N, C-alpha and C. Protein backbone atom coordinates (compact mmCIF):
# COMPACT_ATOMS: atom_id res chain seq x y z
N UNK A 1 307.18 79.28 43.61
CA UNK A 1 305.90 79.63 43.01
C UNK A 1 305.79 81.13 42.81
N UNK A 2 306.32 81.89 43.76
CA UNK A 2 306.32 83.36 43.68
C UNK A 2 307.06 83.82 42.43
N UNK A 3 308.25 83.26 42.20
CA UNK A 3 309.05 83.65 41.03
C UNK A 3 308.32 83.31 39.72
N UNK A 4 307.68 82.15 39.70
CA UNK A 4 306.99 81.73 38.48
C UNK A 4 305.84 82.68 38.16
N UNK A 5 305.07 83.03 39.18
CA UNK A 5 303.91 83.89 38.92
C UNK A 5 304.35 85.31 38.55
N UNK A 6 305.41 85.79 39.17
CA UNK A 6 305.92 87.11 38.81
C UNK A 6 306.43 87.12 37.37
N UNK A 7 307.15 86.06 37.00
CA UNK A 7 307.73 85.98 35.65
C UNK A 7 306.69 85.70 34.58
N UNK A 8 305.46 85.33 35.00
CA UNK A 8 304.39 85.09 34.03
C UNK A 8 303.81 86.40 33.52
N UNK A 9 304.08 87.50 34.21
CA UNK A 9 303.57 88.80 33.79
C UNK A 9 302.09 88.93 34.03
N UNK A 10 301.46 89.85 33.31
CA UNK A 10 300.03 90.10 33.52
C UNK A 10 299.17 89.14 32.72
N UNK A 11 299.80 88.28 31.92
CA UNK A 11 299.09 87.27 31.13
C UNK A 11 298.09 87.90 30.17
N UNK A 12 298.51 88.96 29.51
CA UNK A 12 297.67 89.57 28.47
C UNK A 12 297.53 88.59 27.30
N UNK A 13 296.55 88.83 26.49
CA UNK A 13 296.46 88.13 25.21
C UNK A 13 297.67 88.59 24.39
N UNK A 14 298.59 87.68 24.02
CA UNK A 14 299.80 88.08 23.31
C UNK A 14 299.52 88.89 22.04
N UNK A 15 298.34 88.66 21.46
CA UNK A 15 297.99 89.34 20.23
C UNK A 15 297.81 90.85 20.44
N UNK A 16 297.40 91.21 21.66
CA UNK A 16 297.13 92.62 21.94
C UNK A 16 298.10 93.21 22.96
N UNK A 17 298.95 92.38 23.53
CA UNK A 17 299.85 92.85 24.59
C UNK A 17 300.88 93.82 24.00
N UNK A 18 301.14 94.89 24.73
CA UNK A 18 302.08 95.92 24.27
C UNK A 18 303.49 95.60 24.78
N UNK A 19 304.54 96.07 24.12
CA UNK A 19 305.91 95.82 24.57
C UNK A 19 306.15 96.30 26.00
N UNK A 20 305.53 97.43 26.36
CA UNK A 20 305.69 97.97 27.72
C UNK A 20 304.39 97.79 28.49
N UNK A 21 303.84 96.57 28.41
CA UNK A 21 302.50 96.34 28.95
C UNK A 21 302.39 96.64 30.43
N UNK A 22 303.52 96.50 31.18
CA UNK A 22 303.45 96.74 32.62
C UNK A 22 303.17 98.22 32.93
N UNK A 23 303.35 99.09 31.93
CA UNK A 23 303.08 100.51 32.12
C UNK A 23 301.69 100.91 31.61
N UNK A 24 300.99 99.96 30.99
CA UNK A 24 299.66 100.24 30.47
C UNK A 24 298.63 100.17 31.60
N UNK A 25 297.64 101.06 31.56
CA UNK A 25 296.66 101.15 32.64
C UNK A 25 295.87 99.85 32.79
N UNK A 26 295.43 99.28 31.67
CA UNK A 26 294.65 98.05 31.71
C UNK A 26 295.48 96.90 32.27
N UNK A 27 296.75 96.84 31.85
CA UNK A 27 297.62 95.78 32.32
C UNK A 27 297.97 95.95 33.79
N UNK A 28 298.10 97.21 34.23
CA UNK A 28 298.35 97.47 35.65
C UNK A 28 297.20 96.94 36.49
N UNK A 29 295.98 97.09 35.98
CA UNK A 29 294.80 96.58 36.68
C UNK A 29 294.87 95.06 36.79
N UNK A 30 295.30 94.40 35.70
CA UNK A 30 295.44 92.94 35.71
C UNK A 30 296.51 92.50 36.70
N UNK A 31 297.62 93.23 36.72
CA UNK A 31 298.71 92.91 37.64
C UNK A 31 298.25 93.05 39.08
N UNK A 32 297.52 94.11 39.37
CA UNK A 32 297.03 94.33 40.73
C UNK A 32 296.06 93.23 41.13
N UNK A 33 295.26 92.76 40.16
CA UNK A 33 294.33 91.65 40.42
C UNK A 33 295.10 90.38 40.79
N UNK A 34 296.19 90.13 40.06
CA UNK A 34 297.02 88.95 40.36
C UNK A 34 297.59 89.04 41.77
N UNK A 35 298.10 90.23 42.12
CA UNK A 35 298.71 90.43 43.44
C UNK A 35 297.67 90.28 44.54
N UNK A 36 296.49 90.84 44.33
CA UNK A 36 295.44 90.80 45.35
C UNK A 36 294.93 89.39 45.60
N UNK A 37 295.02 88.52 44.59
CA UNK A 37 294.47 87.17 44.71
C UNK A 37 295.55 86.10 44.87
N UNK A 38 296.79 86.52 45.00
CA UNK A 38 297.88 85.55 45.18
C UNK A 38 297.88 85.01 46.61
N UNK A 39 298.37 83.78 46.74
CA UNK A 39 298.44 83.15 48.07
C UNK A 39 299.71 83.57 48.81
N UNK A 40 300.50 84.45 48.22
CA UNK A 40 301.76 84.89 48.81
C UNK A 40 302.04 86.29 48.30
N UNK A 41 302.98 86.96 48.91
CA UNK A 41 303.28 88.35 48.55
C UNK A 41 304.06 88.43 47.24
N UNK A 42 303.53 89.18 46.29
CA UNK A 42 304.21 89.41 45.02
C UNK A 42 304.72 90.84 44.96
N UNK A 43 305.86 91.02 44.32
CA UNK A 43 306.44 92.35 44.13
C UNK A 43 305.91 92.92 42.82
N UNK A 44 305.14 94.01 42.91
CA UNK A 44 304.49 94.57 41.72
C UNK A 44 305.52 94.97 40.66
N UNK A 45 306.71 95.37 41.07
CA UNK A 45 307.75 95.77 40.12
C UNK A 45 308.38 94.58 39.40
N UNK A 46 308.13 93.37 39.92
CA UNK A 46 308.72 92.18 39.31
C UNK A 46 307.72 91.38 38.49
N UNK A 47 306.45 91.82 38.48
CA UNK A 47 305.44 91.13 37.68
C UNK A 47 305.59 91.56 36.23
N UNK A 48 306.56 90.96 35.57
CA UNK A 48 306.85 91.24 34.16
C UNK A 48 307.14 89.91 33.47
N UNK A 49 306.69 89.80 32.23
CA UNK A 49 306.90 88.55 31.51
C UNK A 49 308.38 88.29 31.28
N UNK A 50 308.84 87.13 31.76
CA UNK A 50 310.23 86.72 31.60
C UNK A 50 310.22 85.21 31.38
N UNK A 51 310.21 84.80 30.12
CA UNK A 51 310.05 83.39 29.79
C UNK A 51 311.18 82.53 30.35
N UNK A 52 312.41 83.06 30.37
CA UNK A 52 313.54 82.30 30.90
C UNK A 52 313.41 82.03 32.38
N UNK A 53 313.12 83.08 33.15
CA UNK A 53 312.97 82.93 34.60
C UNK A 53 311.76 82.06 34.93
N UNK A 54 310.69 82.22 34.16
CA UNK A 54 309.49 81.41 34.40
C UNK A 54 309.79 79.93 34.18
N UNK A 55 310.56 79.62 33.13
CA UNK A 55 310.92 78.24 32.82
C UNK A 55 311.74 77.63 33.96
N UNK A 56 312.72 78.39 34.46
CA UNK A 56 313.56 77.91 35.56
C UNK A 56 312.73 77.69 36.82
N UNK A 57 311.84 78.64 37.13
CA UNK A 57 311.00 78.53 38.32
C UNK A 57 310.09 77.30 38.22
N UNK A 58 309.56 77.06 37.02
CA UNK A 58 308.68 75.91 36.82
C UNK A 58 309.45 74.60 36.99
N UNK A 59 310.67 74.54 36.46
CA UNK A 59 311.51 73.35 36.60
C UNK A 59 311.80 73.08 38.08
N UNK A 60 312.10 74.14 38.83
CA UNK A 60 312.38 73.99 40.27
C UNK A 60 311.17 73.42 41.00
N UNK A 61 309.98 73.92 40.67
CA UNK A 61 308.76 73.43 41.31
C UNK A 61 308.52 71.96 40.97
N UNK A 62 308.68 71.61 39.70
CA UNK A 62 308.47 70.22 39.29
C UNK A 62 309.49 69.29 39.93
N UNK A 63 310.74 69.73 40.02
CA UNK A 63 311.78 68.91 40.63
C UNK A 63 311.53 68.71 42.12
N UNK A 64 311.03 69.77 42.78
CA UNK A 64 310.74 69.66 44.21
C UNK A 64 309.67 68.61 44.45
N UNK A 65 308.57 68.71 43.67
CA UNK A 65 307.50 67.73 43.82
C UNK A 65 308.00 66.33 43.47
N UNK A 66 308.77 66.23 42.38
CA UNK A 66 309.28 64.94 41.95
C UNK A 66 310.19 64.30 42.98
N UNK A 67 310.95 65.14 43.69
CA UNK A 67 311.88 64.60 44.69
C UNK A 67 311.12 63.96 45.86
N UNK A 68 309.97 64.53 46.22
CA UNK A 68 309.18 63.95 47.31
C UNK A 68 308.71 62.54 46.96
N UNK A 69 308.45 62.29 45.68
CA UNK A 69 307.96 60.98 45.26
C UNK A 69 309.02 60.12 44.61
N UNK A 70 310.28 60.48 44.77
CA UNK A 70 311.37 59.78 44.10
C UNK A 70 311.59 58.38 44.66
N UNK A 71 311.87 57.43 43.80
CA UNK A 71 312.20 56.08 44.24
C UNK A 71 313.52 56.08 45.00
N UNK A 72 313.62 55.19 45.96
CA UNK A 72 314.84 55.11 46.76
C UNK A 72 315.90 54.22 46.11
N UNK A 73 315.45 53.09 45.60
CA UNK A 73 316.39 52.05 45.18
C UNK A 73 316.66 52.11 43.68
N UNK A 74 317.59 52.96 43.29
CA UNK A 74 317.96 53.06 41.88
C UNK A 74 319.02 52.02 41.53
N UNK A 75 319.11 51.71 40.25
CA UNK A 75 320.15 50.81 39.77
C UNK A 75 321.52 51.47 39.92
N UNK A 76 322.45 50.73 40.51
CA UNK A 76 323.82 51.23 40.71
C UNK A 76 324.72 50.70 39.59
N UNK A 77 325.67 51.51 39.20
CA UNK A 77 326.62 51.10 38.15
C UNK A 77 328.05 51.24 38.66
N UNK A 78 328.87 50.26 38.34
CA UNK A 78 330.29 50.33 38.70
C UNK A 78 331.13 49.80 37.55
N UNK A 79 332.24 50.48 37.29
CA UNK A 79 333.19 50.02 36.29
C UNK A 79 334.26 49.21 37.00
N UNK A 80 334.39 47.96 36.60
CA UNK A 80 335.33 47.05 37.27
C UNK A 80 336.57 46.83 36.39
N UNK A 81 337.71 46.94 37.04
CA UNK A 81 338.98 46.77 36.32
C UNK A 81 339.72 45.50 36.74
N UNK A 82 339.19 44.83 37.80
CA UNK A 82 339.83 43.59 38.29
C UNK A 82 338.77 42.52 38.51
N UNK A 83 339.20 41.28 38.45
CA UNK A 83 338.30 40.15 38.70
C UNK A 83 337.79 40.18 40.14
N UNK A 84 338.64 40.62 41.05
CA UNK A 84 338.25 40.70 42.46
C UNK A 84 337.07 41.67 42.65
N UNK A 85 337.12 42.79 41.95
CA UNK A 85 336.05 43.79 42.04
C UNK A 85 334.73 43.21 41.52
N UNK A 86 334.78 42.52 40.39
CA UNK A 86 333.58 41.91 39.81
C UNK A 86 333.01 40.86 40.76
N UNK A 87 333.88 40.04 41.32
CA UNK A 87 333.45 38.96 42.22
C UNK A 87 332.75 39.51 43.46
N UNK A 88 333.26 40.60 44.01
CA UNK A 88 332.65 41.20 45.20
C UNK A 88 331.22 41.66 44.94
N UNK A 89 330.98 42.10 43.73
CA UNK A 89 329.63 42.57 43.38
C UNK A 89 328.71 41.39 43.07
N UNK A 90 329.16 40.49 42.23
CA UNK A 90 328.32 39.38 41.77
C UNK A 90 327.91 38.46 42.92
N UNK A 91 328.79 38.27 43.90
CA UNK A 91 328.49 37.34 45.00
C UNK A 91 328.09 38.06 46.29
N UNK A 92 327.76 39.32 46.19
CA UNK A 92 327.33 40.08 47.37
C UNK A 92 325.85 39.78 47.64
N UNK A 93 325.55 39.26 48.83
CA UNK A 93 324.18 38.87 49.17
C UNK A 93 323.23 40.07 49.30
N UNK A 94 323.78 41.28 49.37
CA UNK A 94 322.94 42.47 49.50
C UNK A 94 322.39 42.96 48.15
N UNK A 95 322.92 42.41 47.06
CA UNK A 95 322.56 42.90 45.74
C UNK A 95 321.64 41.94 45.00
N UNK A 96 320.84 42.49 44.09
CA UNK A 96 319.97 41.70 43.22
C UNK A 96 319.99 42.31 41.82
N UNK A 97 319.37 41.62 40.88
CA UNK A 97 319.28 42.10 39.49
C UNK A 97 320.66 42.50 38.96
N UNK A 98 321.62 41.62 39.18
CA UNK A 98 323.00 41.91 38.78
C UNK A 98 323.21 41.58 37.31
N UNK A 99 323.86 42.47 36.60
CA UNK A 99 324.20 42.22 35.19
C UNK A 99 325.59 42.77 34.91
N UNK A 100 326.25 42.17 33.94
CA UNK A 100 327.60 42.62 33.57
C UNK A 100 327.69 42.82 32.06
N UNK A 101 328.54 43.75 31.67
CA UNK A 101 328.76 44.00 30.24
C UNK A 101 330.25 44.27 30.02
N UNK A 102 330.86 43.49 29.15
CA UNK A 102 332.28 43.67 28.84
C UNK A 102 332.42 44.84 27.87
N UNK A 103 333.09 45.89 28.30
CA UNK A 103 333.27 47.07 27.45
C UNK A 103 334.52 46.95 26.59
N UNK A 104 335.58 46.46 27.18
CA UNK A 104 336.79 46.14 26.42
C UNK A 104 337.58 45.12 27.22
N UNK A 105 338.79 44.85 26.84
CA UNK A 105 339.58 43.80 27.50
C UNK A 105 339.98 44.15 28.92
N UNK A 106 339.79 45.42 29.32
CA UNK A 106 340.21 45.84 30.66
C UNK A 106 339.05 46.31 31.56
N UNK A 107 337.89 46.56 30.98
CA UNK A 107 336.79 47.15 31.75
C UNK A 107 335.51 46.34 31.59
N UNK A 108 334.85 46.08 32.74
CA UNK A 108 333.54 45.44 32.75
C UNK A 108 332.57 46.35 33.51
N UNK A 109 331.44 46.63 32.88
CA UNK A 109 330.41 47.44 33.54
C UNK A 109 329.45 46.51 34.27
N UNK A 110 329.26 46.75 35.56
CA UNK A 110 328.31 45.95 36.35
C UNK A 110 327.18 46.84 36.83
N UNK A 111 325.97 46.30 36.80
CA UNK A 111 324.79 47.00 37.28
C UNK A 111 324.08 46.12 38.30
N UNK A 112 323.53 46.76 39.33
CA UNK A 112 322.84 45.99 40.38
C UNK A 112 321.93 46.91 41.19
N UNK A 113 321.04 46.28 41.93
CA UNK A 113 320.20 47.00 42.89
C UNK A 113 320.39 46.38 44.27
N UNK A 114 320.21 47.19 45.29
CA UNK A 114 320.26 46.65 46.65
C UNK A 114 318.93 45.97 46.96
N UNK A 115 318.98 44.87 47.68
CA UNK A 115 317.75 44.22 48.13
C UNK A 115 317.03 45.14 49.11
N UNK A 116 315.70 45.02 49.14
CA UNK A 116 314.88 45.94 49.93
C UNK A 116 315.32 45.99 51.39
N UNK A 117 315.67 44.84 51.95
CA UNK A 117 316.03 44.80 53.38
C UNK A 117 317.35 45.49 53.68
N UNK A 118 318.13 45.76 52.64
CA UNK A 118 319.43 46.41 52.86
C UNK A 118 319.46 47.87 52.39
N UNK A 119 318.51 48.27 51.59
CA UNK A 119 318.52 49.64 51.06
C UNK A 119 318.10 50.64 52.14
N UNK A 120 318.75 51.80 52.14
CA UNK A 120 318.45 52.84 53.12
C UNK A 120 317.49 53.85 52.52
N UNK A 121 316.39 54.16 53.22
CA UNK A 121 315.43 55.13 52.68
C UNK A 121 316.02 56.53 52.62
N UNK A 122 315.65 57.26 51.60
CA UNK A 122 316.09 58.65 51.44
C UNK A 122 315.32 59.53 52.43
N UNK A 123 316.00 60.22 53.34
CA UNK A 123 315.31 61.01 54.37
C UNK A 123 314.51 62.19 53.82
N UNK A 124 314.80 62.62 52.60
CA UNK A 124 314.08 63.77 52.04
C UNK A 124 312.88 63.36 51.20
N UNK A 125 312.65 62.07 51.04
CA UNK A 125 311.50 61.59 50.28
C UNK A 125 310.28 61.51 51.19
N UNK A 126 309.15 62.00 50.71
CA UNK A 126 307.90 61.93 51.46
C UNK A 126 306.78 61.61 50.48
N UNK A 127 306.47 60.33 50.36
CA UNK A 127 305.50 59.89 49.36
C UNK A 127 304.11 60.45 49.63
N UNK A 128 303.82 60.78 50.89
CA UNK A 128 302.49 61.29 51.22
C UNK A 128 302.27 62.70 50.66
N UNK A 129 303.32 63.51 50.66
CA UNK A 129 303.21 64.84 50.04
C UNK A 129 303.00 64.69 48.53
N UNK A 130 303.74 63.78 47.92
CA UNK A 130 303.60 63.53 46.48
C UNK A 130 302.19 63.03 46.16
N UNK A 131 301.68 62.12 46.98
CA UNK A 131 300.33 61.59 46.77
C UNK A 131 299.27 62.68 46.93
N UNK A 132 299.45 63.53 47.94
CA UNK A 132 298.50 64.62 48.20
C UNK A 132 298.43 65.56 47.00
N UNK A 133 299.60 65.90 46.46
CA UNK A 133 299.66 66.79 45.30
C UNK A 133 298.98 66.16 44.09
N UNK A 134 299.32 64.90 43.82
CA UNK A 134 298.74 64.20 42.67
C UNK A 134 297.24 64.04 42.81
N UNK A 135 296.78 63.72 44.03
CA UNK A 135 295.35 63.52 44.27
C UNK A 135 294.57 64.79 43.98
N UNK A 136 295.09 65.94 44.41
CA UNK A 136 294.40 67.20 44.16
C UNK A 136 294.38 67.55 42.68
N UNK A 137 295.46 67.20 41.96
CA UNK A 137 295.48 67.42 40.51
C UNK A 137 294.42 66.57 39.83
N UNK A 138 294.26 65.33 40.29
CA UNK A 138 293.25 64.44 39.72
C UNK A 138 291.84 64.96 40.02
N UNK A 139 291.63 65.48 41.21
CA UNK A 139 290.31 66.02 41.57
C UNK A 139 289.97 67.23 40.71
N UNK A 140 290.98 68.07 40.45
CA UNK A 140 290.77 69.24 39.59
C UNK A 140 290.43 68.79 38.17
N UNK A 141 291.12 67.76 37.70
CA UNK A 141 290.85 67.24 36.36
C UNK A 141 289.45 66.63 36.30
N UNK A 142 289.08 65.89 37.35
CA UNK A 142 287.75 65.26 37.36
C UNK A 142 286.65 66.32 37.37
N UNK A 143 286.88 67.42 38.09
CA UNK A 143 285.90 68.51 38.11
C UNK A 143 285.65 69.02 36.69
N UNK A 144 286.72 69.13 35.92
CA UNK A 144 286.62 69.61 34.54
C UNK A 144 285.89 68.58 33.67
N UNK A 145 286.25 67.30 33.82
CA UNK A 145 285.63 66.24 33.03
C UNK A 145 284.15 66.10 33.34
N UNK A 146 283.80 66.29 34.61
CA UNK A 146 282.40 66.18 35.02
C UNK A 146 281.54 67.26 34.38
N UNK A 147 282.13 68.42 34.15
CA UNK A 147 281.41 69.52 33.51
C UNK A 147 281.29 69.29 32.00
N UNK A 148 282.39 68.89 31.38
CA UNK A 148 282.43 68.80 29.91
C UNK A 148 281.83 67.51 29.36
N UNK A 149 281.89 66.43 30.13
CA UNK A 149 281.33 65.15 29.72
C UNK A 149 281.87 64.70 28.36
N UNK A 150 280.97 64.39 27.41
CA UNK A 150 281.37 63.82 26.12
C UNK A 150 282.10 64.80 25.21
N UNK A 151 282.21 66.05 25.60
CA UNK A 151 282.93 67.04 24.78
C UNK A 151 284.44 66.86 24.85
N UNK A 152 284.92 66.09 25.83
CA UNK A 152 286.36 65.90 26.02
C UNK A 152 286.93 65.02 24.91
N UNK A 153 287.98 65.51 24.27
CA UNK A 153 288.66 64.77 23.20
C UNK A 153 289.95 64.12 23.69
N UNK A 154 290.61 64.77 24.65
CA UNK A 154 291.91 64.29 25.15
C UNK A 154 292.14 64.85 26.54
N UNK A 155 292.84 64.09 27.37
CA UNK A 155 293.22 64.59 28.69
C UNK A 155 294.47 63.88 29.15
N UNK A 156 295.25 64.54 30.01
CA UNK A 156 296.32 63.89 30.75
C UNK A 156 296.37 64.54 32.13
N UNK A 157 297.49 64.45 32.82
CA UNK A 157 297.56 64.89 34.21
C UNK A 157 297.08 66.31 34.42
N UNK A 158 297.51 67.23 33.57
CA UNK A 158 297.23 68.64 33.84
C UNK A 158 296.69 69.38 32.61
N UNK A 159 296.08 68.67 31.69
CA UNK A 159 295.55 69.35 30.52
C UNK A 159 294.32 68.63 29.97
N UNK A 160 293.56 69.36 29.18
CA UNK A 160 292.34 68.80 28.61
C UNK A 160 292.04 69.52 27.30
N UNK A 161 291.76 68.76 26.26
CA UNK A 161 291.33 69.31 24.97
C UNK A 161 289.88 68.92 24.77
N UNK A 162 289.04 69.89 24.49
CA UNK A 162 287.61 69.60 24.37
C UNK A 162 286.98 70.39 23.22
N UNK A 163 285.81 69.94 22.81
CA UNK A 163 285.07 70.60 21.74
C UNK A 163 284.19 71.69 22.34
N UNK A 164 284.51 72.94 22.03
CA UNK A 164 283.74 74.07 22.54
C UNK A 164 282.54 74.29 21.63
N UNK A 165 281.38 73.83 22.08
CA UNK A 165 280.16 73.94 21.28
C UNK A 165 279.28 75.11 21.70
N UNK A 166 279.85 75.99 22.53
CA UNK A 166 279.10 77.17 22.95
C UNK A 166 278.05 76.89 24.01
N UNK A 167 278.07 75.69 24.57
CA UNK A 167 277.07 75.32 25.58
C UNK A 167 277.36 75.98 26.92
N UNK A 168 276.42 75.84 27.85
CA UNK A 168 276.59 76.39 29.19
C UNK A 168 277.77 75.75 29.90
N UNK A 169 277.99 74.46 29.60
CA UNK A 169 279.12 73.74 30.21
C UNK A 169 280.44 74.37 29.78
N UNK A 170 280.57 74.68 28.50
CA UNK A 170 281.80 75.30 27.99
C UNK A 170 281.98 76.71 28.53
N UNK A 171 280.88 77.43 28.68
CA UNK A 171 280.96 78.78 29.26
C UNK A 171 281.40 78.71 30.72
N UNK A 172 280.95 77.66 31.41
CA UNK A 172 281.35 77.48 32.81
C UNK A 172 282.85 77.24 32.92
N UNK A 173 283.38 76.43 32.00
CA UNK A 173 284.82 76.16 31.97
C UNK A 173 285.59 77.44 31.65
N UNK A 174 285.06 78.23 30.73
CA UNK A 174 285.71 79.49 30.35
C UNK A 174 285.81 80.43 31.55
N UNK A 175 284.80 80.40 32.41
CA UNK A 175 284.81 81.24 33.62
C UNK A 175 285.81 80.75 34.66
N UNK A 176 286.29 79.50 34.49
CA UNK A 176 287.27 78.94 35.42
C UNK A 176 288.69 79.33 35.04
N UNK A 177 288.85 80.01 33.91
CA UNK A 177 290.18 80.42 33.46
C UNK A 177 290.55 81.76 34.07
N UNK A 178 291.81 81.91 34.43
CA UNK A 178 292.25 83.16 35.04
C UNK A 178 293.72 83.14 35.37
N UNK A 179 294.13 84.09 36.20
CA UNK A 179 295.55 84.26 36.54
C UNK A 179 295.88 83.79 37.95
N UNK A 180 294.86 83.43 38.73
CA UNK A 180 295.10 83.04 40.12
C UNK A 180 295.62 81.60 40.18
N UNK A 181 296.26 81.29 41.30
CA UNK A 181 296.72 79.93 41.54
C UNK A 181 295.52 78.99 41.57
N UNK A 182 295.54 77.95 40.75
CA UNK A 182 294.43 77.02 40.68
C UNK A 182 293.49 77.28 39.52
N UNK A 183 293.60 78.45 38.88
CA UNK A 183 292.78 78.74 37.71
C UNK A 183 293.28 77.96 36.50
N UNK A 184 292.38 77.77 35.53
CA UNK A 184 292.77 77.14 34.28
C UNK A 184 293.45 78.15 33.37
N UNK A 185 294.31 77.68 32.49
CA UNK A 185 295.01 78.54 31.53
C UNK A 185 294.66 78.11 30.11
N UNK A 186 294.32 79.07 29.27
CA UNK A 186 294.06 78.79 27.86
C UNK A 186 295.41 78.68 27.15
N UNK A 187 295.86 77.46 26.90
CA UNK A 187 297.17 77.23 26.30
C UNK A 187 297.22 77.68 24.84
N UNK A 188 296.09 77.67 24.17
CA UNK A 188 296.07 78.07 22.76
C UNK A 188 296.43 79.54 22.62
N UNK A 189 295.84 80.37 23.47
CA UNK A 189 296.11 81.81 23.42
C UNK A 189 297.49 82.13 23.95
N UNK A 190 297.82 81.55 25.12
CA UNK A 190 299.07 81.93 25.80
C UNK A 190 300.32 81.44 25.08
N UNK A 191 300.25 80.29 24.40
CA UNK A 191 301.44 79.73 23.78
C UNK A 191 301.47 79.86 22.25
N UNK A 192 300.29 79.85 21.64
CA UNK A 192 300.27 79.78 20.18
C UNK A 192 299.58 80.97 19.53
N UNK A 193 299.12 81.91 20.34
CA UNK A 193 298.51 83.13 19.80
C UNK A 193 297.40 82.80 18.80
N UNK A 194 296.54 81.87 19.18
CA UNK A 194 295.43 81.45 18.32
C UNK A 194 294.16 81.34 19.16
N UNK A 195 293.04 81.12 18.48
CA UNK A 195 291.76 81.03 19.18
C UNK A 195 291.23 79.60 19.27
N UNK A 196 291.65 78.74 18.34
CA UNK A 196 291.14 77.38 18.37
C UNK A 196 292.11 76.45 17.64
N UNK A 197 291.90 75.15 17.83
CA UNK A 197 292.71 74.13 17.16
C UNK A 197 292.01 73.74 15.86
N UNK A 198 292.73 73.76 14.76
CA UNK A 198 292.14 73.42 13.47
C UNK A 198 292.07 71.91 13.25
N UNK A 199 293.10 71.21 13.71
CA UNK A 199 293.14 69.76 13.52
C UNK A 199 293.76 69.11 14.75
N UNK A 200 293.20 67.99 15.17
CA UNK A 200 293.67 67.31 16.37
C UNK A 200 293.75 65.81 16.12
N UNK A 201 294.91 65.22 16.40
CA UNK A 201 295.11 63.78 16.24
C UNK A 201 295.75 63.24 17.52
N UNK A 202 295.24 62.14 18.03
CA UNK A 202 295.83 61.55 19.24
C UNK A 202 295.67 60.04 19.21
N UNK A 203 296.75 59.34 19.61
CA UNK A 203 296.71 57.88 19.74
C UNK A 203 296.70 57.47 21.20
N UNK A 204 296.66 58.45 22.10
CA UNK A 204 296.67 58.16 23.53
C UNK A 204 297.36 59.27 24.29
N UNK A 205 297.52 59.09 25.60
CA UNK A 205 298.14 60.11 26.44
C UNK A 205 299.57 60.39 25.99
N UNK A 206 299.92 61.68 25.96
CA UNK A 206 301.25 62.16 25.58
C UNK A 206 301.56 61.94 24.10
N UNK A 207 300.59 61.44 23.33
CA UNK A 207 300.81 61.23 21.90
C UNK A 207 299.79 62.07 21.15
N UNK A 208 300.13 63.32 20.90
CA UNK A 208 299.20 64.22 20.22
C UNK A 208 299.91 64.96 19.10
N UNK A 209 299.13 65.42 18.14
CA UNK A 209 299.70 66.15 17.01
C UNK A 209 298.71 67.21 16.53
């Protein structure tokens, strides 16, 4: 998380951000604000925008969380070159959902899962940590939905598109945006260098245009 926040830089409006923004007085103030409000120690000399490092840090964080909630019993695959090998798999009482596919005259691909009573749990999986993380994300999302009400056009796990009608509710959401951990991020400004969405089409979650 430290690497991701440092690589995010001062989060200036890209439209006005200078090439050497870390040396600008206003940006230095923003960087100091980020450091003062961080939940961990940040190196002021490393708070510079680095999209590559930020991407890698984000992937690491997502993979860590995903590993805690990872399923134990994945489908196993084996390439069989002999009838004896195929027979051992097909008639093994520890396996279920067995399927075979002839690839050529010498190779058969077999797929199977271990029955629950025989599968060994992954010692690094902790579903309670995964549930705790997801629950807090849902609570944060619900807080946003409760404020915006019918203005919400689209939502998924960690994002929300809404109609900004200039109401007190929208102003309240705007005040929730910032650089601290847990703050909301304006994706339109940070990613697309724009102020609003001109056209929005959605058929459901993860299906937007």
